[in-house]
Amino acid sequence: MPVTIPLSLPAILLYITVVMSVVAGIIGLIRFRHLPTQLRYLAALTIFELPLEVAGLVIMLSKGNNLFLMPIYTIGELAFLALLYRQTLQLPAFSRVAPWVVAGFAVYALVDSLALGVSWYRPGQQIVQSLLILSMVWLYFRKLLSELQVRYLAREPIFWVSTGLLIYFLGYLQIALFSNYLLQHYSPEFNRNVWAVHTLLSIVLHLCYCVALWMRPQK
């Protein structure tokens, strides 16, 4: 039986997000061998995301619950970004701490998911992940401003990655913080519009990923 695809704005944005994920994954595959180590971690992240994004969309169109994919996504995303920033920052303290932080978050996310049930939305995981990633982005911008070695920011791939992450996770953090309150006190239509904003943020993030993977780093 064919699936009827709705054409509401939130749905259209969701399909665009999946398309952007596919494009980022394809660019990552094509460019992988030519990328420096830190961008190979970004390419690996886009390839890791791709089947999860597609599976999530298919399950949603089939009227199923795709929230069980979220812990896998958040753990994987944090791990790949930690590898990216460890290679970029070259800070001994960060290099020592990062594996423990990722492992600790993975344990927390799995325990939290099993305790509440994998089919429930768990804003706590999203809040913790957002704060951890924003901390890595802050370390990058601090290093960028203190060293002043990059002449043209628009030609620096990690600057694009960090800008996309900053925009996305600052917005997503607000949504995660107030998600339960919004669900309880506002209409389903309003909540759909709020999550449409999240989808738009995801489009911006993946656009930044595409730019970072496509450009040649400065020498």
N, C-alpha and C. Protein backbone atom coordinates (compact mmCIF):
# COMPACT_ATOMS: atom_id res chain seq x y z
N MET A 1 0.85 -1.20 0.00
CA MET A 1 0.00 0.00 0.00
C MET A 1 0.88 1.24 0.00
N PRO A 2 0.71 2.16 -0.96
CA PRO A 2 1.57 3.34 -1.02
C PRO A 2 1.36 4.26 0.16
N VAL A 3 2.43 4.93 0.57
CA VAL A 3 2.37 5.87 1.68
C VAL A 3 2.05 7.26 1.15
N THR A 4 1.07 7.90 1.75
CA THR A 4 0.73 9.25 1.37
C THR A 4 1.62 10.22 2.12
N ILE A 5 2.40 11.01 1.40
CA ILE A 5 3.35 11.92 2.02
C ILE A 5 2.70 13.28 2.21
N PRO A 6 2.53 13.75 3.44
CA PRO A 6 1.93 15.05 3.68
C PRO A 6 2.85 16.17 3.20
N LEU A 7 2.24 17.30 2.84
CA LEU A 7 3.01 18.41 2.31
C LEU A 7 2.98 19.62 3.23
N SER A 8 2.82 19.39 4.52
CA SER A 8 2.88 20.50 5.47
C SER A 8 4.31 21.02 5.53
N LEU A 9 4.47 22.26 6.01
CA LEU A 9 5.80 22.85 6.10
C LEU A 9 6.75 22.03 6.98
N PRO A 10 6.33 21.58 8.18
CA PRO A 10 7.23 20.75 8.98
C PRO A 10 7.68 19.49 8.25
N ALA A 11 6.75 18.87 7.49
CA ALA A 11 7.11 17.65 6.77
C ALA A 11 8.09 17.95 5.65
N ILE A 12 7.86 19.04 4.93
CA ILE A 12 8.77 19.43 3.85
C ILE A 12 10.17 19.68 4.39
N LEU A 13 10.25 20.39 5.52
CA LEU A 13 11.55 20.65 6.14
C LEU A 13 12.23 19.35 6.56
N LEU A 14 11.44 18.40 7.03
CA LEU A 14 12.00 17.11 7.44
C LEU A 14 12.60 16.38 6.25
N TYR A 15 11.91 16.40 5.12
CA TYR A 15 12.44 15.74 3.92
C TYR A 15 13.71 16.43 3.44
N ILE A 16 13.73 17.76 3.55
CA ILE A 16 14.94 18.50 3.16
C ILE A 16 16.11 18.11 4.06
N THR A 17 15.83 17.92 5.36
CA THR A 17 16.88 17.51 6.29
C THR A 17 17.48 16.17 5.88
N VAL A 18 16.63 15.23 5.52
CA VAL A 18 17.12 13.92 5.09
C VAL A 18 17.94 14.05 3.82
N VAL A 19 17.46 14.88 2.89
CA VAL A 19 18.22 15.11 1.65
C VAL A 19 19.59 15.70 1.96
N MET A 20 19.64 16.67 2.88
CA MET A 20 20.91 17.28 3.25
C MET A 20 21.84 16.26 3.91
N SER A 21 21.27 15.35 4.70
CA SER A 21 22.07 14.29 5.31
C SER A 21 22.66 13.37 4.25
N VAL A 22 21.84 13.06 3.24
CA VAL A 22 22.31 12.21 2.14
C VAL A 22 23.43 12.91 1.38
N VAL A 23 23.23 14.18 1.08
CA VAL A 23 24.25 14.95 0.34
C VAL A 23 25.55 15.00 1.14
N ALA A 24 25.45 15.30 2.45
CA ALA A 24 26.65 15.36 3.29
C ALA A 24 27.36 14.01 3.32
N GLY A 25 26.58 12.92 3.43
CA GLY A 25 27.17 11.59 3.45
C GLY A 25 27.86 11.25 2.14
N ILE A 26 27.26 11.63 1.02
CA ILE A 26 27.86 11.37 -0.29
C ILE A 26 29.16 12.16 -0.45
N ILE A 27 29.12 13.44 -0.06
CA ILE A 27 30.35 14.25 -0.13
C ILE A 27 31.43 13.64 0.75
N GLY A 28 31.04 13.19 1.94
CA GLY A 28 32.00 12.56 2.84
C GLY A 28 32.64 11.32 2.23
N LEU A 29 31.83 10.51 1.55
CA LEU A 29 32.36 9.30 0.90
C LEU A 29 33.29 9.65 -0.25
N ILE A 30 32.89 10.63 -1.07
CA ILE A 30 33.69 11.01 -2.23
C ILE A 30 35.03 11.62 -1.81
N ARG A 31 34.99 12.45 -0.80
CA ARG A 31 36.18 13.23 -0.42
C ARG A 31 37.02 12.57 0.67
N PHE A 32 36.59 11.43 1.19
CA PHE A 32 37.20 10.86 2.40
C PHE A 32 38.72 10.73 2.30
N ARG A 33 39.20 10.16 1.22
CA ARG A 33 40.64 9.89 1.11
C ARG A 33 41.47 11.16 0.98
N HIS A 34 40.84 12.26 0.60
CA HIS A 34 41.56 13.51 0.39
C HIS A 34 41.47 14.46 1.59
N LEU A 35 40.78 14.04 2.63
CA LEU A 35 40.54 14.92 3.78
C LEU A 35 41.62 14.74 4.84
N PRO A 36 41.93 15.81 5.59
CA PRO A 36 42.79 15.66 6.76
C PRO A 36 42.07 14.86 7.84
N THR A 37 42.82 14.42 8.83
CA THR A 37 42.27 13.48 9.82
C THR A 37 41.02 14.00 10.50
N GLN A 38 41.02 15.27 10.94
CA GLN A 38 39.86 15.77 11.68
C GLN A 38 38.60 15.80 10.81
N LEU A 39 38.76 16.09 9.51
CA LEU A 39 37.59 16.09 8.63
C LEU A 39 37.17 14.68 8.24
N ARG A 40 38.07 13.73 8.34
CA ARG A 40 37.67 12.34 8.13
C ARG A 40 36.70 11.89 9.23
N TYR A 41 36.91 12.40 10.44
CA TYR A 41 35.96 12.10 11.51
C TYR A 41 34.60 12.72 11.20
N LEU A 42 34.59 13.91 10.62
CA LEU A 42 33.32 14.53 10.23
C LEU A 42 32.65 13.72 9.12
N ALA A 43 33.44 13.28 8.14
CA ALA A 43 32.89 12.45 7.07
C ALA A 43 32.31 11.16 7.64
N ALA A 44 33.03 10.56 8.58
CA ALA A 44 32.54 9.33 9.22
C ALA A 44 31.24 9.59 9.96
N LEU A 45 31.12 10.77 10.58
CA LEU A 45 29.87 11.13 11.27
C LEU A 45 28.72 11.22 10.29
N THR A 46 28.92 11.87 9.15
CA THR A 46 27.83 12.00 8.18
C THR A 46 27.43 10.63 7.61
N ILE A 47 28.40 9.75 7.44
CA ILE A 47 28.10 8.40 6.95
C ILE A 47 27.36 7.60 8.03
N PHE A 48 27.76 7.78 9.28
CA PHE A 48 27.08 7.13 10.41
C PHE A 48 25.63 7.61 10.53
N GLU A 49 25.41 8.91 10.33
CA GLU A 49 24.07 9.49 10.46
C GLU A 49 23.11 9.00 9.39
N LEU A 50 23.64 8.76 8.20
CA LEU A 50 22.80 8.55 7.03
C LEU A 50 21.76 7.45 7.20
N PRO A 51 22.15 6.21 7.55
CA PRO A 51 21.12 5.17 7.71
C PRO A 51 20.15 5.46 8.84
N LEU A 52 20.61 6.16 9.89
CA LEU A 52 19.71 6.49 10.99
C LEU A 52 18.66 7.51 10.55
N GLU A 53 19.07 8.51 9.77
CA GLU A 53 18.13 9.51 9.27
C GLU A 53 17.09 8.86 8.36
N VAL A 54 17.55 8.01 7.45
CA VAL A 54 16.63 7.35 6.51
C VAL A 54 15.70 6.40 7.25
N ALA A 55 16.25 5.62 8.18
CA ALA A 55 15.42 4.70 8.96
C ALA A 55 14.38 5.45 9.78
N GLY A 56 14.79 6.57 10.38
CA GLY A 56 13.86 7.37 11.16
C GLY A 56 12.71 7.90 10.33
N LEU A 57 13.01 8.35 9.11
CA LEU A 57 11.96 8.87 8.23
C LEU A 57 11.02 7.76 7.80
N VAL A 58 11.57 6.60 7.44
CA VAL A 58 10.73 5.48 7.00
C VAL A 58 9.81 5.03 8.13
N ILE A 59 10.34 4.92 9.34
CA ILE A 59 9.52 4.51 10.49
C ILE A 59 8.43 5.54 10.76
N MET A 60 8.77 6.82 10.66
CA MET A 60 7.78 7.87 10.89
C MET A 60 6.66 7.81 9.86
N LEU A 61 7.02 7.62 8.58
CA LEU A 61 6.01 7.53 7.53
C LEU A 61 5.14 6.30 7.69
N SER A 62 5.68 5.28 8.35
CA SER A 62 4.91 4.06 8.62
C SER A 62 4.11 4.15 9.91
N LYS A 63 4.08 5.36 10.50
CA LYS A 63 3.34 5.63 11.75
C LYS A 63 3.94 4.90 12.94
N GLY A 64 5.22 4.58 12.87
CA GLY A 64 5.89 3.92 13.99
C GLY A 64 6.62 4.92 14.87
N ASN A 65 7.19 4.42 15.95
CA ASN A 65 7.93 5.25 16.90
C ASN A 65 9.43 5.07 16.63
N ASN A 66 10.09 6.16 16.25
CA ASN A 66 11.52 6.07 15.92
C ASN A 66 12.43 6.61 17.01
N LEU A 67 11.88 6.85 18.20
CA LEU A 67 12.68 7.44 19.28
C LEU A 67 13.77 6.50 19.81
N PHE A 68 13.63 5.20 19.54
CA PHE A 68 14.66 4.26 20.01
C PHE A 68 16.00 4.50 19.30
N LEU A 69 15.96 5.21 18.16
CA LEU A 69 17.19 5.52 17.44
C LEU A 69 17.98 6.65 18.09
N MET A 70 17.30 7.47 18.91
CA MET A 70 17.93 8.69 19.42
C MET A 70 19.17 8.43 20.27
N PRO A 71 19.16 7.47 21.22
CA PRO A 71 20.40 7.24 22.00
C PRO A 71 21.57 6.82 21.13
N ILE A 72 21.31 6.01 20.11
CA ILE A 72 22.38 5.60 19.19
C ILE A 72 22.96 6.82 18.49
N TYR A 73 22.05 7.69 18.04
CA TYR A 73 22.46 8.90 17.32
C TYR A 73 23.28 9.83 18.20
N THR A 74 22.79 10.08 19.41
CA THR A 74 23.47 11.05 20.28
C THR A 74 24.84 10.55 20.73
N ILE A 75 24.94 9.26 21.05
CA ILE A 75 26.23 8.70 21.47
C ILE A 75 27.23 8.76 20.31
N GLY A 76 26.79 8.32 19.13
CA GLY A 76 27.68 8.34 17.97
C GLY A 76 28.11 9.74 17.58
N GLU A 77 27.16 10.67 17.60
CA GLU A 77 27.49 12.06 17.25
C GLU A 77 28.52 12.64 18.21
N LEU A 78 28.31 12.44 19.50
CA LEU A 78 29.27 12.96 20.49
C LEU A 78 30.64 12.33 20.31
N ALA A 79 30.69 11.03 20.04
CA ALA A 79 31.97 10.33 19.90
C ALA A 79 32.76 10.86 18.70
N PHE A 80 32.11 10.99 17.55
CA PHE A 80 32.81 11.47 16.36
C PHE A 80 33.25 12.93 16.51
N LEU A 81 32.42 13.75 17.13
CA LEU A 81 32.79 15.15 17.32
C LEU A 81 33.92 15.29 18.33
N ALA A 82 33.94 14.43 19.34
CA ALA A 82 35.05 14.44 20.30
C ALA A 82 36.36 14.08 19.61
N LEU A 83 36.32 13.11 18.70
CA LEU A 83 37.51 12.76 17.93
C LEU A 83 37.95 13.91 17.04
N LEU A 84 36.98 14.56 16.41
CA LEU A 84 37.28 15.71 15.55
C LEU A 84 37.98 16.82 16.33
N TYR A 85 37.42 17.17 17.49
CA TYR A 85 37.99 18.28 18.25
C TYR A 85 39.28 17.88 18.97
N ARG A 86 39.43 16.62 19.31
CA ARG A 86 40.71 16.19 19.90
C ARG A 86 41.84 16.37 18.89
N GLN A 87 41.56 16.03 17.63
CA GLN A 87 42.56 16.19 16.58
C GLN A 87 42.80 17.67 16.26
N THR A 88 41.74 18.47 16.33
CA THR A 88 41.84 19.89 15.98
C THR A 88 42.51 20.70 17.08
N LEU A 89 42.10 20.47 18.32
CA LEU A 89 42.58 21.29 19.43
C LEU A 89 44.01 20.96 19.85
N GLN A 90 44.35 19.67 19.79
CA GLN A 90 45.69 19.23 20.21
C GLN A 90 46.01 19.69 21.63
N LEU A 91 45.03 19.54 22.52
CA LEU A 91 45.20 19.89 23.93
C LEU A 91 45.37 18.61 24.73
N PRO A 92 46.49 18.41 25.40
CA PRO A 92 46.71 17.16 26.14
C PRO A 92 45.61 16.85 27.16
N ALA A 93 45.16 17.86 27.88
CA ALA A 93 44.12 17.64 28.90
C ALA A 93 42.83 17.18 28.25
N PHE A 94 42.45 17.82 27.15
CA PHE A 94 41.23 17.42 26.44
C PHE A 94 41.37 16.01 25.89
N SER A 95 42.53 15.69 25.33
CA SER A 95 42.75 14.36 24.76
C SER A 95 42.62 13.27 25.82
N ARG A 96 43.05 13.57 27.05
CA ARG A 96 42.94 12.58 28.13
C ARG A 96 41.50 12.44 28.62
N VAL A 97 40.80 13.56 28.71
CA VAL A 97 39.46 13.56 29.32
C VAL A 97 38.38 13.10 28.35
N ALA A 98 38.51 13.44 27.07
CA ALA A 98 37.45 13.20 26.09
C ALA A 98 36.95 11.75 26.05
N PRO A 99 37.83 10.73 26.00
CA PRO A 99 37.32 9.35 25.96
C PRO A 99 36.47 8.99 27.18
N TRP A 100 36.87 9.50 28.35
CA TRP A 100 36.11 9.22 29.56
C TRP A 100 34.75 9.92 29.55
N VAL A 101 34.72 11.12 29.02
CA VAL A 101 33.46 11.86 28.92
C VAL A 101 32.49 11.15 27.99
N VAL A 102 33.00 10.72 26.84
CA VAL A 102 32.15 10.01 25.87
C VAL A 102 31.66 8.70 26.46
N ALA A 103 32.55 7.95 27.11
CA ALA A 103 32.16 6.68 27.72
C ALA A 103 31.13 6.90 28.83
N GLY A 104 31.35 7.92 29.65
CA GLY A 104 30.39 8.23 30.71
C GLY A 104 29.03 8.61 30.17
N PHE A 105 29.03 9.41 29.09
CA PHE A 105 27.76 9.79 28.48
C PHE A 105 27.06 8.58 27.88
N ALA A 106 27.82 7.69 27.26
CA ALA A 106 27.22 6.50 26.67
C ALA A 106 26.54 5.64 27.73
N VAL A 107 27.20 5.46 28.87
CA VAL A 107 26.61 4.68 29.96
C VAL A 107 25.34 5.37 30.47
N TYR A 108 25.43 6.68 30.67
CA TYR A 108 24.26 7.44 31.14
C TYR A 108 23.09 7.32 30.16
N ALA A 109 23.37 7.49 28.86
CA ALA A 109 22.31 7.45 27.85
C ALA A 109 21.65 6.07 27.80
N LEU A 110 22.45 5.02 27.88
CA LEU A 110 21.89 3.67 27.82
C LEU A 110 21.06 3.36 29.06
N VAL A 111 21.57 3.71 30.23
CA VAL A 111 20.83 3.47 31.48
C VAL A 111 19.54 4.28 31.49
N ASP A 112 19.63 5.54 31.09
CA ASP A 112 18.46 6.41 31.05
C ASP A 112 17.41 5.88 30.08
N SER A 113 17.86 5.38 28.94
CA SER A 113 16.93 4.86 27.93
C SER A 113 16.24 3.60 28.43
N LEU A 114 17.00 2.71 29.05
CA LEU A 114 16.41 1.46 29.54
C LEU A 114 15.47 1.72 30.71
N ALA A 115 15.79 2.72 31.52
CA ALA A 115 14.96 3.02 32.69
C ALA A 115 13.61 3.60 32.29
N LEU A 116 13.62 4.48 31.30
CA LEU A 116 12.38 5.15 30.90
C LEU A 116 11.67 4.45 29.75
N GLY A 117 12.38 3.58 29.06
CA GLY A 117 11.80 2.94 27.88
C GLY A 117 12.31 3.62 26.63
N VAL A 118 12.73 2.82 25.66
CA VAL A 118 13.38 3.37 24.47
C VAL A 118 12.42 4.13 23.56
N SER A 119 11.11 4.00 23.78
CA SER A 119 10.15 4.68 22.91
C SER A 119 9.73 6.04 23.46
N TRP A 120 10.39 6.52 24.53
CA TRP A 120 10.05 7.81 25.12
C TRP A 120 11.13 8.83 24.79
N TYR A 121 10.69 10.08 24.60
CA TYR A 121 11.64 11.17 24.38
C TYR A 121 12.33 11.50 25.70
N ARG A 122 13.66 11.63 25.67
CA ARG A 122 14.45 11.83 26.88
C ARG A 122 15.23 13.14 26.76
N PRO A 123 14.63 14.25 27.17
CA PRO A 123 15.31 15.55 27.00
C PRO A 123 16.61 15.66 27.78
N GLY A 124 16.73 14.91 28.89
CA GLY A 124 17.95 14.99 29.68
C GLY A 124 19.18 14.63 28.86
N GLN A 125 19.07 13.59 28.04
CA GLN A 125 20.19 13.18 27.19
C GLN A 125 20.56 14.28 26.21
N GLN A 126 19.54 14.91 25.64
CA GLN A 126 19.79 15.96 24.65
C GLN A 126 20.44 17.18 25.30
N ILE A 127 20.01 17.50 26.52
CA ILE A 127 20.58 18.66 27.23
C ILE A 127 22.06 18.41 27.54
N VAL A 128 22.36 17.24 28.09
CA VAL A 128 23.75 16.92 28.44
C VAL A 128 24.63 16.90 27.19
N GLN A 129 24.14 16.25 26.13
CA GLN A 129 24.91 16.19 24.89
C GLN A 129 25.15 17.58 24.32
N SER A 130 24.11 18.42 24.33
CA SER A 130 24.25 19.78 23.81
C SER A 130 25.31 20.56 24.57
N LEU A 131 25.29 20.46 25.90
CA LEU A 131 26.26 21.18 26.72
C LEU A 131 27.69 20.69 26.46
N LEU A 132 27.85 19.38 26.30
CA LEU A 132 29.18 18.83 26.03
C LEU A 132 29.72 19.31 24.68
N ILE A 133 28.87 19.28 23.67
CA ILE A 133 29.32 19.70 22.34
C ILE A 133 29.57 21.20 22.30
N LEU A 134 28.71 21.98 22.94
CA LEU A 134 28.95 23.42 23.00
C LEU A 134 30.25 23.74 23.74
N SER A 135 30.61 22.92 24.71
CA SER A 135 31.89 23.12 25.41
C SER A 135 33.07 22.90 24.47
N MET A 136 32.97 21.88 23.61
CA MET A 136 34.04 21.64 22.64
C MET A 136 34.13 22.78 21.63
N VAL A 137 32.98 23.26 21.20
CA VAL A 137 32.96 24.39 20.26
C VAL A 137 33.59 25.62 20.91
N TRP A 138 33.28 25.86 22.18
CA TRP A 138 33.86 27.00 22.90
C TRP A 138 35.38 26.88 22.97
N LEU A 139 35.88 25.68 23.24
CA LEU A 139 37.33 25.49 23.27
C LEU A 139 37.97 25.80 21.92
N TYR A 140 37.28 25.42 20.84
CA TYR A 140 37.81 25.71 19.50
C TYR A 140 37.86 27.20 19.24
N PHE A 141 36.77 27.92 19.54
CA PHE A 141 36.76 29.36 19.29
C PHE A 141 37.76 30.09 20.19
N ARG A 142 37.94 29.61 21.41
CA ARG A 142 38.94 30.21 22.29
C ARG A 142 40.34 30.04 21.71
N LYS A 143 40.62 28.85 21.20
CA LYS A 143 41.93 28.59 20.57
C LYS A 143 42.09 29.46 19.33
N LEU A 144 41.02 29.59 18.55
CA LEU A 144 41.06 30.39 17.33
C LEU A 144 41.39 31.85 17.64
N LEU A 145 40.76 32.39 18.67
CA LEU A 145 40.96 33.80 19.02
C LEU A 145 42.30 34.04 19.70
N SER A 146 42.78 33.06 20.44
CA SER A 146 44.04 33.26 21.17
C SER A 146 45.26 33.12 20.25
N GLU A 147 45.17 32.23 19.26
CA GLU A 147 46.33 32.00 18.39
C GLU A 147 46.35 32.91 17.17
N LEU A 148 45.17 33.26 16.65
CA LEU A 148 45.05 34.17 15.49
C LEU A 148 45.91 33.72 14.31
N GLN A 149 45.85 32.42 14.01
CA GLN A 149 46.65 31.88 12.91
C GLN A 149 45.84 31.71 11.62
N VAL A 150 44.52 31.79 11.70
CA VAL A 150 43.67 31.61 10.53
C VAL A 150 43.39 32.97 9.91
N ARG A 151 43.83 33.16 8.67
CA ARG A 151 43.67 34.47 8.02
C ARG A 151 42.27 34.65 7.46
N TYR A 152 41.72 33.61 6.86
CA TYR A 152 40.41 33.71 6.22
C TYR A 152 39.49 32.65 6.83
N LEU A 153 38.62 33.10 7.73
CA LEU A 153 37.75 32.15 8.43
C LEU A 153 36.84 31.40 7.47
N ALA A 154 36.38 32.07 6.41
CA ALA A 154 35.46 31.44 5.47
C ALA A 154 36.11 30.29 4.71
N ARG A 155 37.44 30.20 4.76
CA ARG A 155 38.15 29.11 4.08
C ARG A 155 38.62 28.04 5.06
N GLU A 156 38.19 28.14 6.29
CA GLU A 156 38.61 27.19 7.33
C GLU A 156 37.47 26.20 7.60
N PRO A 157 37.61 24.92 7.21
CA PRO A 157 36.51 23.96 7.35
C PRO A 157 36.00 23.80 8.78
N ILE A 158 36.91 23.73 9.76
CA ILE A 158 36.46 23.51 11.14
C ILE A 158 35.70 24.73 11.66
N PHE A 159 35.98 25.90 11.13
CA PHE A 159 35.19 27.08 11.50
C PHE A 159 33.75 26.89 11.05
N TRP A 160 33.54 26.36 9.85
CA TRP A 160 32.18 26.09 9.37
C TRP A 160 31.50 25.04 10.24
N VAL A 161 32.23 23.99 10.56
CA VAL A 161 31.66 22.94 11.42
C VAL A 161 31.26 23.52 12.77
N SER A 162 32.14 24.29 13.37
CA SER A 162 31.89 24.84 14.70
C SER A 162 30.75 25.86 14.69
N THR A 163 30.67 26.66 13.63
CA THR A 163 29.57 27.62 13.52
C THR A 163 28.24 26.90 13.39
N GLY A 164 28.20 25.86 12.56
CA GLY A 164 26.97 25.08 12.42
C GLY A 164 26.56 24.43 13.73
N LEU A 165 27.53 23.87 14.44
CA LEU A 165 27.23 23.23 15.74
C LEU A 165 26.75 24.26 16.76
N LEU A 166 27.37 25.44 16.76
CA LEU A 166 26.96 26.49 17.70
C LEU A 166 25.52 26.90 17.46
N ILE A 167 25.16 27.15 16.21
CA ILE A 167 23.79 27.56 15.88
C ILE A 167 22.81 26.45 16.24
N TYR A 168 23.14 25.22 15.83
CA TYR A 168 22.22 24.11 16.03
C TYR A 168 22.00 23.81 17.51
N PHE A 169 23.08 23.66 18.26
CA PHE A 169 22.92 23.21 19.65
C PHE A 169 22.45 24.31 20.59
N LEU A 170 22.72 25.57 20.28
CA LEU A 170 22.11 26.64 21.07
C LEU A 170 20.60 26.63 20.92
N GLY A 171 20.13 26.41 19.68
CA GLY A 171 18.69 26.33 19.46
C GLY A 171 18.09 25.06 20.03
N TYR A 172 18.77 23.93 19.80
CA TYR A 172 18.24 22.64 20.26
C TYR A 172 18.20 22.58 21.78
N LEU A 173 19.16 23.22 22.43
CA LEU A 173 19.18 23.23 23.89
C LEU A 173 17.92 23.89 24.45
N GLN A 174 17.48 24.96 23.83
CA GLN A 174 16.25 25.64 24.28
C GLN A 174 15.03 24.73 24.10
N ILE A 175 14.98 24.05 22.96
CA ILE A 175 13.86 23.15 22.70
C ILE A 175 13.84 22.01 23.70
N ALA A 176 15.00 21.40 23.95
CA ALA A 176 15.07 20.28 24.88
C ALA A 176 14.71 20.71 26.31
N LEU A 177 15.17 21.90 26.70
CA LEU A 177 14.89 22.38 28.06
C LEU A 177 13.40 22.55 28.31
N PHE A 178 12.68 23.02 27.31
CA PHE A 178 11.27 23.37 27.51
C PHE A 178 10.32 22.39 26.81
N SER A 179 10.83 21.28 26.30
CA SER A 179 10.00 20.36 25.52
C SER A 179 8.83 19.80 26.32
N ASN A 180 9.08 19.33 27.54
CA ASN A 180 7.99 18.75 28.33
C ASN A 180 6.94 19.80 28.69
N TYR A 181 7.39 21.00 29.03
CA TYR A 181 6.44 22.08 29.36
C TYR A 181 5.58 22.42 28.14
N LEU A 182 6.19 22.49 26.97
CA LEU A 182 5.44 22.81 25.75
C LEU A 182 4.43 21.73 25.43
N LEU A 183 4.82 20.47 25.62
CA LEU A 183 3.89 19.36 25.35
C LEU A 183 2.68 19.41 26.27
N GLN A 184 2.87 19.83 27.51
CA GLN A 184 1.79 19.83 28.49
C GLN A 184 0.88 21.04 28.38
N HIS A 185 1.41 22.18 27.91
CA HIS A 185 0.65 23.42 28.00
C HIS A 185 0.29 24.04 26.65
N TYR A 186 0.79 23.47 25.56
CA TYR A 186 0.50 24.06 24.25
C TYR A 186 -0.06 22.99 23.31
N SER A 187 -0.67 23.44 22.25
CA SER A 187 -1.36 22.55 21.32
C SER A 187 -0.37 21.70 20.53
N PRO A 188 -0.84 20.56 20.00
CA PRO A 188 0.03 19.74 19.14
C PRO A 188 0.54 20.51 17.93
N GLU A 189 -0.29 21.39 17.39
CA GLU A 189 0.13 22.18 16.23
C GLU A 189 1.31 23.09 16.59
N PHE A 190 1.23 23.72 17.76
CA PHE A 190 2.33 24.59 18.20
C PHE A 190 3.61 23.78 18.38
N ASN A 191 3.49 22.59 18.98
CA ASN A 191 4.67 21.75 19.18
C ASN A 191 5.27 21.29 17.86
N ARG A 192 4.42 21.02 16.87
CA ARG A 192 4.94 20.66 15.55
C ARG A 192 5.73 21.82 14.95
N ASN A 193 5.25 23.02 15.16
CA ASN A 193 5.96 24.19 14.64
C ASN A 193 7.30 24.39 15.35
N VAL A 194 7.32 24.11 16.67
CA VAL A 194 8.58 24.21 17.41
C VAL A 194 9.60 23.21 16.86
N TRP A 195 9.14 21.99 16.60
CA TRP A 195 10.06 20.99 16.06
C TRP A 195 10.43 21.27 14.62
N ALA A 196 9.58 22.04 13.92
CA ALA A 196 9.96 22.49 12.58
C ALA A 196 11.17 23.42 12.65
N VAL A 197 11.23 24.23 13.72
CA VAL A 197 12.40 25.09 13.93
C VAL A 197 13.65 24.23 14.14
N HIS A 198 13.50 23.15 14.91
CA HIS A 198 14.62 22.22 15.11
C HIS A 198 15.08 21.64 13.78
N THR A 199 14.12 21.29 12.93
CA THR A 199 14.46 20.73 11.62
C THR A 199 15.21 21.75 10.78
N LEU A 200 14.78 23.00 10.85
CA LEU A 200 15.47 24.07 10.12
C LEU A 200 16.91 24.22 10.62
N LEU A 201 17.10 24.14 11.92
CA LEU A 201 18.45 24.20 12.50
C LEU A 201 19.31 23.04 11.99
N SER A 202 18.69 21.87 11.86
CA SER A 202 19.42 20.70 11.36
C SER A 202 19.84 20.90 9.91
N ILE A 203 18.99 21.55 9.12
CA ILE A 203 19.34 21.85 7.73
C ILE A 203 20.57 22.76 7.68
N VAL A 204 20.56 23.80 8.52
CA VAL A 204 21.71 24.71 8.59
C VAL A 204 22.98 23.96 8.98
N LEU A 205 22.88 23.07 9.97
CA LEU A 205 24.03 22.30 10.43
C LEU A 205 24.61 21.45 9.30
N HIS A 206 23.74 20.74 8.59
CA HIS A 206 24.23 19.85 7.53
C HIS A 206 24.74 20.64 6.33
N LEU A 207 24.20 21.83 6.12
CA LEU A 207 24.75 22.69 5.08
C LEU A 207 26.19 23.07 5.43
N CYS A 208 26.43 23.40 6.69
CA CYS A 208 27.79 23.71 7.15
C CYS A 208 28.70 22.49 7.01
N TYR A 209 28.19 21.31 7.31
CA TYR A 209 28.97 20.08 7.11
C TYR A 209 29.37 19.94 5.64
N CYS A 210 28.41 20.16 4.75
CA CYS A 210 28.69 20.01 3.31
C CYS A 210 29.78 20.97 2.87
N VAL A 211 29.69 22.22 3.31
CA VAL A 211 30.70 23.22 2.95
C VAL A 211 32.07 22.79 3.48
N ALA A 212 32.12 22.36 4.73
CA ALA A 212 33.40 21.96 5.34
C ALA A 212 34.03 20.78 4.63
N LEU A 213 33.22 19.81 4.23
CA LEU A 213 33.74 18.62 3.57
C LEU A 213 34.16 18.89 2.13
N TRP A 214 33.53 19.87 1.50
CA TRP A 214 33.79 20.13 0.09
C TRP A 214 35.03 21.00 -0.11
N MET A 215 35.28 21.95 0.79
CA MET A 215 36.38 22.89 0.57
C MET A 215 37.73 22.26 0.90
N ARG A 216 38.76 22.87 0.35
CA ARG A 216 40.12 22.44 0.65
C ARG A 216 40.66 23.28 1.79
N PRO A 217 41.16 22.65 2.84
CA PRO A 217 41.67 23.41 3.99
C PRO A 217 42.82 24.32 3.61
N GLN A 218 42.96 25.43 4.35
CA GLN A 218 44.09 26.33 4.13
C GLN A 218 45.38 25.65 4.54
N LYS A 219 46.45 25.98 3.85
CA LYS A 219 47.77 25.45 4.20
C LYS A 219 48.56 26.49 4.99
